[in-house]
Amino acid sequence: MEVDIVSLITIFVLAIFIGFEVITKVPPTLHTPLMSGSNAISGITIIGAILAAGSDHIALQVLGFVAVVLATINVVGGFLVTHRMLAMFRKKRD
């Protein structure tokens, strides 16, 4: 099954716009708690990016590699922020 590169790039660009619109609608007070849940979504993104990086098209390989890097940064950053947020609720020891 041959997939047209133009359709894949169109889906990618549409995903960028939809993601931007969804993220900008989240109020700042909910952003940090929701980041923990978004780590699972980024994990799924990493799997899709790895599949794209394994393609035989050079453009998909480059986009897949960039997606792997960015999704990994998002997962690690999400866990670090969640860990820091949960540390704020722990009792301080004397």
PDB file of N, CA and C in Angstrom:
ATOM      1  N   MET A   1       0.844  -1.177   0.000  1.00  0.00           N
ATOM      2  CA  MET A   1       0.000   0.000   0.000  1.00  0.00           C
ATOM      3  C   MET A   1       0.888   1.239   0.000  1.00  0.00           C
ATOM      4  N   GLU A   2       0.794   2.013  -1.013  1.00  0.00           N
ATOM      5  CA  GLU A   2       1.593   3.228  -1.152  1.00  0.00           C
ATOM      6  C   GLU A   2       0.808   4.421  -0.619  1.00  0.00           C
ATOM      7  N   VAL A   3       1.442   5.177   0.272  1.00  0.00           N
ATOM      8  CA  VAL A   3       0.796   6.356   0.853  1.00  0.00           C
ATOM      9  C   VAL A   3       1.437   7.595   0.243  1.00  0.00           C
ATOM     10  N   ASP A   4       0.605   8.512  -0.163  1.00  0.00           N
ATOM     11  CA  ASP A   4       1.081   9.738  -0.783  1.00  0.00           C
ATOM     12  C   ASP A   4       1.715  10.647   0.270  1.00  0.00           C
ATOM     13  N   ILE A   5       2.905  11.142   0.019  1.00  0.00           N
ATOM     14  CA  ILE A   5       3.629  11.989   0.964  1.00  0.00           C
ATOM     15  C   ILE A   5       2.883  13.297   1.230  1.00  0.00           C
ATOM     16  N   VAL A   6       2.183  13.807   0.234  1.00  0.00           N
ATOM     17  CA  VAL A   6       1.440  15.059   0.404  1.00  0.00           C
ATOM     18  C   VAL A   6       0.322  14.863   1.428  1.00  0.00           C
ATOM     19  N   SER A   7      -0.370  13.703   1.381  1.00  0.00           N
ATOM     20  CA  SER A   7      -1.430  13.462   2.366  1.00  0.00           C
ATOM     21  C   SER A   7      -0.850  13.344   3.770  1.00  0.00           C
ATOM     22  N   LEU A   8       0.298  12.693   3.908  1.00  0.00           N
ATOM     23  CA  LEU A   8       0.906  12.556   5.232  1.00  0.00           C
ATOM     24  C   LEU A   8       1.333  13.916   5.787  1.00  0.00           C
ATOM     25  N   ILE A   9       1.903  14.754   4.952  1.00  0.00           N
ATOM     26  CA  ILE A   9       2.306  16.086   5.416  1.00  0.00           C
ATOM     27  C   ILE A   9       1.077  16.918   5.756  1.00  0.00           C
ATOM     28  N   THR A  10      -0.006  16.762   4.988  1.00  0.00           N
ATOM     29  CA  THR A  10      -1.246  17.479   5.291  1.00  0.00           C
ATOM     30  C   THR A  10      -1.794  17.060   6.653  1.00  0.00           C
ATOM     31  N   ILE A  11      -1.811  15.766   6.932  1.00  0.00           N
ATOM     32  CA  ILE A  11      -2.271  15.280   8.240  1.00  0.00           C
ATOM     33  C   ILE A  11      -1.376  15.816   9.350  1.00  0.00           C
ATOM     34  N   PHE A  12      -0.077  15.831   9.111  1.00  0.00           N
ATOM     35  CA  PHE A  12       0.869  16.337  10.107  1.00  0.00           C
ATOM     36  C   PHE A  12       0.614  17.811  10.418  1.00  0.00           C
ATOM     37  N   VAL A  13       0.430  18.617   9.392  1.00  0.00           N
ATOM     38  CA  VAL A  13       0.185  20.054   9.588  1.00  0.00           C
ATOM     39  C   VAL A  13      -1.153  20.284  10.292  1.00  0.00           C
ATOM     40  N   LEU A  14      -2.179  19.541   9.910  1.00  0.00           N
ATOM     41  CA  LEU A  14      -3.474  19.662  10.584  1.00  0.00           C
ATOM     42  C   LEU A  14      -3.372  19.261  12.052  1.00  0.00           C
ATOM     43  N   ALA A  15      -2.589  18.240  12.362  1.00  0.00           N
ATOM     44  CA  ALA A  15      -2.392  17.822  13.751  1.00  0.00           C
ATOM     45  C   ALA A  15      -1.704  18.920  14.561  1.00  0.00           C
ATOM     46  N   ILE A  16      -0.780  19.638  13.936  1.00  0.00           N
ATOM     47  CA  ILE A  16      -0.113  20.757  14.620  1.00  0.00           C
ATOM     48  C   ILE A  16      -1.124  21.832  14.978  1.00  0.00           C
ATOM     49  N   PHE A  17      -1.975  22.215  14.020  1.00  0.00           N
ATOM     50  CA  PHE A  17      -2.966  23.259  14.281  1.00  0.00           C
ATOM     51  C   PHE A  17      -3.984  22.830  15.336  1.00  0.00           C
ATOM     52  N   ILE A  18      -4.462  21.604  15.250  1.00  0.00           N
ATOM     53  CA  ILE A  18      -5.446  21.122  16.229  1.00  0.00           C
ATOM     54  C   ILE A  18      -4.813  21.040  17.613  1.00  0.00           C
ATOM     55  N   GLY A  19      -3.597  20.539  17.698  1.00  0.00           N
ATOM     56  CA  GLY A  19      -2.904  20.472  18.987  1.00  0.00           C
ATOM     57  C   GLY A  19      -2.697  21.841  19.600  1.00  0.00           C
ATOM     58  N   PHE A  20      -2.325  22.799  18.779  1.00  0.00           N
ATOM     59  CA  PHE A  20      -2.130  24.161  19.279  1.00  0.00           C
ATOM     60  C   PHE A  20      -3.427  24.730  19.823  1.00  0.00           C
ATOM     61  N   GLU A  21      -4.521  24.537  19.099  1.00  0.00           N
ATOM     62  CA  GLU A  21      -5.822  25.054  19.539  1.00  0.00           C
ATOM     63  C   GLU A  21      -6.277  24.399  20.834  1.00  0.00           C
ATOM     64  N   VAL A  22      -6.062  23.105  20.951  1.00  0.00           N
ATOM     65  CA  VAL A  22      -6.476  22.398  22.178  1.00  0.00           C
ATOM     66  C   VAL A  22      -5.653  22.867  23.369  1.00  0.00           C
ATOM     67  N   ILE A  23      -4.352  22.992  23.206  1.00  0.00           N
ATOM     68  CA  ILE A  23      -3.479  23.378  24.324  1.00  0.00           C
ATOM     69  C   ILE A  23      -3.743  24.810  24.764  1.00  0.00           C
ATOM     70  N   THR A  24      -3.996  25.716  23.837  1.00  0.00           N
ATOM     71  CA  THR A  24      -4.206  27.112  24.230  1.00  0.00           C
ATOM     72  C   THR A  24      -5.533  27.325  24.943  1.00  0.00           C
ATOM     73  N   LYS A  25      -6.458  26.376  24.836  1.00  0.00           N
ATOM     74  CA  LYS A  25      -7.758  26.509  25.507  1.00  0.00           C
ATOM     75  C   LYS A  25      -7.733  26.020  26.956  1.00  0.00           C
ATOM     76  N   VAL A  26      -6.642  25.401  27.390  1.00  0.00           N
ATOM     77  CA  VAL A  26      -6.546  24.887  28.755  1.00  0.00           C
ATOM     78  C   VAL A  26      -6.145  26.028  29.691  1.00  0.00           C
ATOM     79  N   PRO A  27      -6.932  26.253  30.771  1.00  0.00           N
ATOM     80  CA  PRO A  27      -6.562  27.315  31.708  1.00  0.00           C
ATOM     81  C   PRO A  27      -5.250  26.976  32.431  1.00  0.00           C
ATOM     82  N   PRO A  28      -4.481  27.988  32.808  1.00  0.00           N
ATOM     83  CA  PRO A  28      -3.185  27.742  33.455  1.00  0.00           C
ATOM     84  C   PRO A  28      -3.292  26.922  34.742  1.00  0.00           C
ATOM     85  N   THR A  29      -4.398  27.046  35.488  1.00  0.00           N
ATOM     86  CA  THR A  29      -4.518  26.287  36.740  1.00  0.00           C
ATOM     87  C   THR A  29      -4.685  24.792  36.494  1.00  0.00           C
ATOM     88  N   LEU A  30      -5.144  24.410  35.327  1.00  0.00           N
ATOM     89  CA  LEU A  30      -5.310  22.987  35.010  1.00  0.00           C
ATOM     90  C   LEU A  30      -4.148  22.409  34.218  1.00  0.00           C
ATOM     91  N   HIS A  31      -3.260  23.249  33.759  1.00  0.00           N
ATOM     92  CA  HIS A  31      -2.211  22.775  32.856  1.00  0.00           C
ATOM     93  C   HIS A  31      -1.293  21.756  33.517  1.00  0.00           C
ATOM     94  N   THR A  32      -0.839  22.034  34.744  1.00  0.00           N
ATOM     95  CA  THR A  32       0.111  21.133  35.390  1.00  0.00           C
ATOM     96  C   THR A  32      -0.502  19.778  35.716  1.00  0.00           C
ATOM     97  N   PRO A  33      -1.714  19.713  36.305  1.00  0.00           N
ATOM     98  CA  PRO A  33      -2.285  18.371  36.539  1.00  0.00           C
ATOM     99  C   PRO A  33      -2.565  17.596  35.249  1.00  0.00           C
ATOM    100  N   LEU A  34      -2.945  18.290  34.204  1.00  0.00           N
ATOM    101  CA  LEU A  34      -3.222  17.593  32.947  1.00  0.00           C
ATOM    102  C   LEU A  34      -1.950  17.121  32.253  1.00  0.00           C
ATOM    103  N   MET A  35      -0.819  17.714  32.590  1.00  0.00           N
ATOM    104  CA  MET A  35       0.443  17.308  31.964  1.00  0.00           C
ATOM    105  C   MET A  35       0.765  15.860  32.314  1.00  0.00           C
ATOM    106  N   SER A  36       0.402  15.451  33.516  1.00  0.00           N
ATOM    107  CA  SER A  36       0.649  14.070  33.913  1.00  0.00           C
ATOM    108  C   SER A  36      -0.104  13.103  33.014  1.00  0.00           C
ATOM    109  N   GLY A  37      -1.354  13.420  32.724  1.00  0.00           N
ATOM    110  CA  GLY A  37      -2.133  12.559  31.840  1.00  0.00           C
ATOM    111  C   GLY A  37      -1.671  12.607  30.405  1.00  0.00           C
ATOM    112  N   SER A  38      -1.109  13.718  29.998  1.00  0.00           N
ATOM    113  CA  SER A  38      -0.665  13.825  28.608  1.00  0.00           C
ATOM    114  C   SER A  38       0.607  13.031  28.347  1.00  0.00           C
ATOM    115  N   ASN A  39       1.276  12.576  29.398  1.00  0.00           N
ATOM    116  CA  ASN A  39       2.468  11.751  29.189  1.00  0.00           C
ATOM    117  C   ASN A  39       2.114  10.453  28.484  1.00  0.00           C
ATOM    118  N   ALA A  40       0.938   9.898  28.784  1.00  0.00           N
ATOM    119  CA  ALA A  40       0.520   8.668  28.101  1.00  0.00           C
ATOM    120  C   ALA A  40       0.291   8.940  26.621  1.00  0.00           C
ATOM    121  N   ILE A  41      -0.288  10.080  26.308  1.00  0.00           N
ATOM    122  CA  ILE A  41      -0.524  10.436  24.904  1.00  0.00           C
ATOM    123  C   ILE A  41       0.806  10.623  24.187  1.00  0.00           C
ATOM    124  N   SER A  42       1.767  11.248  24.866  1.00  0.00           N
ATOM    125  CA  SER A  42       3.081  11.432  24.242  1.00  0.00           C
ATOM    126  C   SER A  42       3.788  10.100  24.048  1.00  0.00           C
ATOM    127  N   GLY A  43       3.531   9.158  24.937  1.00  0.00           N
ATOM    128  CA  GLY A  43       4.092   7.820  24.757  1.00  0.00           C
ATOM    129  C   GLY A  43       3.570   7.175  23.482  1.00  0.00           C
ATOM    130  N   ILE A  44       2.279   7.360  23.198  1.00  0.00           N
ATOM    131  CA  ILE A  44       1.702   6.847  21.966  1.00  0.00           C
ATOM    132  C   ILE A  44       2.293   7.591  20.769  1.00  0.00           C
ATOM    133  N   THR A  45       2.528   8.891  20.934  1.00  0.00           N
ATOM    134  CA  THR A  45       3.143   9.686  19.863  1.00  0.00           C
ATOM    135  C   THR A  45       4.542   9.158  19.546  1.00  0.00           C
ATOM    136  N   ILE A  46       5.273   8.765  20.570  1.00  0.00           N
ATOM    137  CA  ILE A  46       6.624   8.218  20.349  1.00  0.00           C
ATOM    138  C   ILE A  46       6.549   6.953  19.500  1.00  0.00           C
ATOM    139  N   ILE A  47       5.569   6.102  19.781  1.00  0.00           N
ATOM    140  CA  ILE A  47       5.433   4.872  18.999  1.00  0.00           C
ATOM    141  C   ILE A  47       5.146   5.203  17.523  1.00  0.00           C
ATOM    142  N   GLY A  48       4.223   6.140  17.292  1.00  0.00           N
ATOM    143  CA  GLY A  48       3.923   6.538  15.913  1.00  0.00           C
ATOM    144  C   GLY A  48       5.116   7.186  15.231  1.00  0.00           C
ATOM    145  N   ALA A  49       5.868   7.974  15.990  1.00  0.00           N
ATOM    146  CA  ALA A  49       7.045   8.632  15.421  1.00  0.00           C
ATOM    147  C   ALA A  49       8.124   7.618  15.058  1.00  0.00           C
ATOM    148  N   ILE A  50       8.266   6.589  15.878  1.00  0.00           N
ATOM    149  CA  ILE A  50       9.243   5.539  15.565  1.00  0.00           C
ATOM    150  C   ILE A  50       8.839   4.818  14.280  1.00  0.00           C
ATOM    151  N   LEU A  51       7.536   4.572  14.133  1.00  0.00           N
ATOM    152  CA  LEU A  51       7.068   3.937  12.888  1.00  0.00           C
ATOM    153  C   LEU A  51       7.335   4.834  11.682  1.00  0.00           C
ATOM    154  N   ALA A  52       7.117   6.143  11.849  1.00  0.00           N
ATOM    155  CA  ALA A  52       7.385   7.073  10.751  1.00  0.00           C
ATOM    156  C   ALA A  52       8.882   7.139  10.450  1.00  0.00           C
ATOM    157  N   ALA A  53       9.707   7.104  11.494  1.00  0.00           N
ATOM    158  CA  ALA A  53      11.153   7.174  11.291  1.00  0.00           C
ATOM    159  C   ALA A  53      11.682   5.931  10.587  1.00  0.00           C
ATOM    160  N   GLY A  54      10.959   4.816  10.681  1.00  0.00           N
ATOM    161  CA  GLY A  54      11.379   3.584  10.019  1.00  0.00           C
ATOM    162  C   GLY A  54      10.915   3.479   8.582  1.00  0.00           C
ATOM    163  N   SER A  55      10.323   4.542   8.061  1.00  0.00           N
ATOM    164  CA  SER A  55       9.822   4.544   6.685  1.00  0.00           C
ATOM    165  C   SER A  55      10.980   4.583   5.697  1.00  0.00           C
ATOM    166  N   ASP A  56      10.655   4.325   4.438  1.00  0.00           N
ATOM    167  CA  ASP A  56      11.694   4.381   3.414  1.00  0.00           C
ATOM    168  C   ASP A  56      11.754   5.725   2.702  1.00  0.00           C
ATOM    169  N   HIS A  57      10.900   6.689   3.091  1.00  0.00           N
ATOM    170  CA  HIS A  57      10.967   8.057   2.561  1.00  0.00           C
ATOM    171  C   HIS A  57      11.863   8.895   3.474  1.00  0.00           C
ATOM    172  N   ILE A  58      12.773   9.635   2.898  1.00  0.00           N
ATOM    173  CA  ILE A  58      13.704  10.437   3.694  1.00  0.00           C
ATOM    174  C   ILE A  58      12.979  11.535   4.459  1.00  0.00           C
ATOM    175  N   ALA A  59      11.938  12.110   3.854  1.00  0.00           N
ATOM    176  CA  ALA A  59      11.192  13.169   4.550  1.00  0.00           C
ATOM    177  C   ALA A  59      10.485  12.609   5.778  1.00  0.00           C
ATOM    178  N   LEU A  60       9.905  11.421   5.654  1.00  0.00           N
ATOM    179  CA  LEU A  60       9.249  10.799   6.809  1.00  0.00           C
ATOM    180  C   LEU A  60      10.260  10.399   7.870  1.00  0.00           C
ATOM    181  N   GLN A  61      11.440   9.992   7.461  1.00  0.00           N
ATOM    182  CA  GLN A  61      12.475   9.640   8.426  1.00  0.00           C
ATOM    183  C   GLN A  61      12.881  10.858   9.239  1.00  0.00           C
ATOM    184  N   VAL A  62      13.038  11.998   8.570  1.00  0.00           N
ATOM    185  CA  VAL A  62      13.432  13.228   9.257  1.00  0.00           C
ATOM    186  C   VAL A  62      12.316  13.691  10.189  1.00  0.00           C
ATOM    187  N   LEU A  63      11.080  13.737   9.679  1.00  0.00           N
ATOM    188  CA  LEU A  63       9.952  14.143  10.521  1.00  0.00           C
ATOM    189  C   LEU A  63       9.747  13.171  11.685  1.00  0.00           C
ATOM    190  N   GLY A  64       9.918  11.878  11.423  1.00  0.00           N
ATOM    191  CA  GLY A  64       9.799  10.879  12.491  1.00  0.00           C
ATOM    192  C   GLY A  64      10.852  11.068  13.565  1.00  0.00           C
ATOM    193  N   PHE A  65      12.082  11.347  13.151  1.00  0.00           N
ATOM    194  CA  PHE A  65      13.145  11.573  14.126  1.00  0.00           C
ATOM    195  C   PHE A  65      12.865  12.811  14.974  1.00  0.00           C
ATOM    196  N   VAL A  66      12.445  13.890  14.322  1.00  0.00           N
ATOM    197  CA  VAL A  66      12.110  15.119  15.060  1.00  0.00           C
ATOM    198  C   VAL A  66      10.958  14.857  16.022  1.00  0.00           C
ATOM    199  N   ALA A  67       9.954  14.100  15.575  1.00  0.00           N
ATOM    200  CA  ALA A  67       8.816  13.775  16.439  1.00  0.00           C
ATOM    201  C   ALA A  67       9.241  12.926  17.625  1.00  0.00           C
ATOM    202  N   VAL A  68      10.150  11.989  17.425  1.00  0.00           N
ATOM    203  CA  VAL A  68      10.646  11.172  18.539  1.00  0.00           C
ATOM    204  C   VAL A  68      11.343  12.057  19.567  1.00  0.00           C
ATOM    205  N   VAL A  69      12.190  12.951  19.106  1.00  0.00           N
ATOM    206  CA  VAL A  69      12.924  13.830  20.013  1.00  0.00           C
ATOM    207  C   VAL A  69      11.969  14.733  20.795  1.00  0.00           C
ATOM    208  N   LEU A  70      11.038  15.368  20.100  1.00  0.00           N
ATOM    209  CA  LEU A  70      10.120  16.296  20.769  1.00  0.00           C
ATOM    210  C   LEU A  70       9.170  15.577  21.729  1.00  0.00           C
ATOM    211  N   ALA A  71       8.658  14.418  21.338  1.00  0.00           N
ATOM    212  CA  ALA A  71       7.764  13.670  22.230  1.00  0.00           C
ATOM    213  C   ALA A  71       8.516  13.154  23.446  1.00  0.00           C
ATOM    214  N   THR A  72       9.767  12.759  23.273  1.00  0.00           N
ATOM    215  CA  THR A  72      10.564  12.311  24.419  1.00  0.00           C
ATOM    216  C   THR A  72      10.811  13.461  25.387  1.00  0.00           C
ATOM    217  N   ILE A  73      11.117  14.628  24.868  1.00  0.00           N
ATOM    218  CA  ILE A  73      11.296  15.804  25.728  1.00  0.00           C
ATOM    219  C   ILE A  73      10.000  16.096  26.478  1.00  0.00           C
ATOM    220  N   ASN A  74       8.871  15.965  25.801  1.00  0.00           N
ATOM    221  CA  ASN A  74       7.574  16.214  26.429  1.00  0.00           C
ATOM    222  C   ASN A  74       7.304  15.219  27.551  1.00  0.00           C
ATOM    223  N   VAL A  75       7.591  13.940  27.339  1.00  0.00           N
ATOM    224  CA  VAL A  75       7.364  12.927  28.367  1.00  0.00           C
ATOM    225  C   VAL A  75       8.253  13.184  29.582  1.00  0.00           C
ATOM    226  N   VAL A  76       9.533  13.392  29.342  1.00  0.00           N
ATOM    227  CA  VAL A  76      10.467  13.622  30.453  1.00  0.00           C
ATOM    228  C   VAL A  76      10.108  14.899  31.203  1.00  0.00           C
ATOM    229  N   GLY A  77       9.825  15.970  30.487  1.00  0.00           N
ATOM    230  CA  GLY A  77       9.429  17.225  31.129  1.00  0.00           C
ATOM    231  C   GLY A  77       8.144  17.073  31.919  1.00  0.00           C
ATOM    232  N   GLY A  78       7.197  16.324  31.382  1.00  0.00           N
ATOM    233  CA  GLY A  78       5.939  16.099  32.091  1.00  0.00           C
ATOM    234  C   GLY A  78       6.151  15.365  33.395  1.00  0.00           C
ATOM    235  N   PHE A  79       6.991  14.342  33.377  1.00  0.00           N
ATOM    236  CA  PHE A  79       7.266  13.617  34.613  1.00  0.00           C
ATOM    237  C   PHE A  79       8.006  14.487  35.621  1.00  0.00           C
ATOM    238  N   LEU A  80       8.931  15.303  35.156  1.00  0.00           N
ATOM    239  CA  LEU A  80       9.663  16.180  36.079  1.00  0.00           C
ATOM    240  C   LEU A  80       8.740  17.215  36.717  1.00  0.00           C
ATOM    241  N   VAL A  81       7.861  17.811  35.921  1.00  0.00           N
ATOM    242  CA  VAL A  81       6.926  18.800  36.467  1.00  0.00           C
ATOM    243  C   VAL A  81       5.945  18.140  37.425  1.00  0.00           C
ATOM    244  N   THR A  82       5.462  16.956  37.086  1.00  0.00           N
ATOM    245  CA  THR A  82       4.541  16.246  37.976  1.00  0.00           C
ATOM    246  C   THR A  82       5.231  15.889  39.285  1.00  0.00           C
ATOM    247  N   HIS A  83       6.466  15.434  39.208  1.00  0.00           N
ATOM    248  CA  HIS A  83       7.222  15.105  40.428  1.00  0.00           C
ATOM    249  C   HIS A  83       7.402  16.348  41.305  1.00  0.00           C
ATOM    250  N   ARG A  84       7.725  17.464  40.682  1.00  0.00           N
ATOM    251  CA  ARG A  84       7.912  18.710  41.438  1.00  0.00           C
ATOM    252  C   ARG A  84       6.591  19.176  42.052  1.00  0.00           C
ATOM    253  N   MET A  85       5.500  19.040  41.292  1.00  0.00           N
ATOM    254  CA  MET A  85       4.189  19.437  41.804  1.00  0.00           C
ATOM    255  C   MET A  85       3.790  18.579  43.002  1.00  0.00           C
ATOM    256  N   LEU A  86       4.010  17.269  42.923  1.00  0.00           N
ATOM    257  CA  LEU A  86       3.665  16.398  44.037  1.00  0.00           C
ATOM    258  C   LEU A  86       4.554  16.651  45.249  1.00  0.00           C
ATOM    259  N   ALA A  87       5.782  17.076  45.029  1.00  0.00           N
ATOM    260  CA  ALA A  87       6.681  17.395  46.147  1.00  0.00           C
ATOM    261  C   ALA A  87       6.188  18.605  46.928  1.00  0.00           C
ATOM    262  N   MET A  88       5.436  19.486  46.299  1.00  0.00           N
ATOM    263  CA  MET A  88       4.908  20.656  46.997  1.00  0.00           C
ATOM    264  C   MET A  88       3.862  20.265  48.039  1.00  0.00           C
ATOM    265  N   PHE A  89       3.234  19.110  47.888  1.00  0.00           N
ATOM    266  CA  PHE A  89       2.193  18.679  48.807  1.00  0.00           C
ATOM    267  C   PHE A  89       2.702  17.779  49.922  1.00  0.00           C
ATOM    268  N   ARG A  90       3.970  17.429  49.917  1.00  0.00           N
ATOM    269  CA  ARG A  90       4.531  16.604  50.977  1.00  0.00           C
ATOM    270  C   ARG A  90       4.813  17.433  52.204  1.00  0.00           C
ATOM    271  N   LYS A  91       4.707  16.756  53.349  1.00  0.00           N
ATOM    272  CA  LYS A  91       5.030  17.454  54.591  1.00  0.00           C
ATOM    273  C   LYS A  91       6.537  17.666  54.665  1.00  0.00           C
ATOM    274  N   LYS A  92       6.908  18.861  55.131  1.00  0.00           N
ATOM    275  CA  LYS A  92       8.325  19.165  55.258  1.00  0.00           C
ATOM    276  C   LYS A  92       8.841  18.600  56.563  1.00  0.00           C
ATOM    277  N   ARG A  93      10.014  17.977  56.486  1.00  0.00           N
ATOM    278  CA  ARG A  93      10.627  17.408  57.689  1.00  0.00           C
ATOM    279  C   ARG A  93      11.552  18.421  58.322  1.00  0.00           C
ATOM    280  N   ASP A  94      11.528  18.443  59.620  1.00  0.00           N
ATOM    281  CA  ASP A  94      12.392  19.412  60.345  1.00  0.00           C
ATOM    282  C   ASP A  94      13.834  18.999  60.381  1.00  0.00           C
TER     283      ASP A  94
END
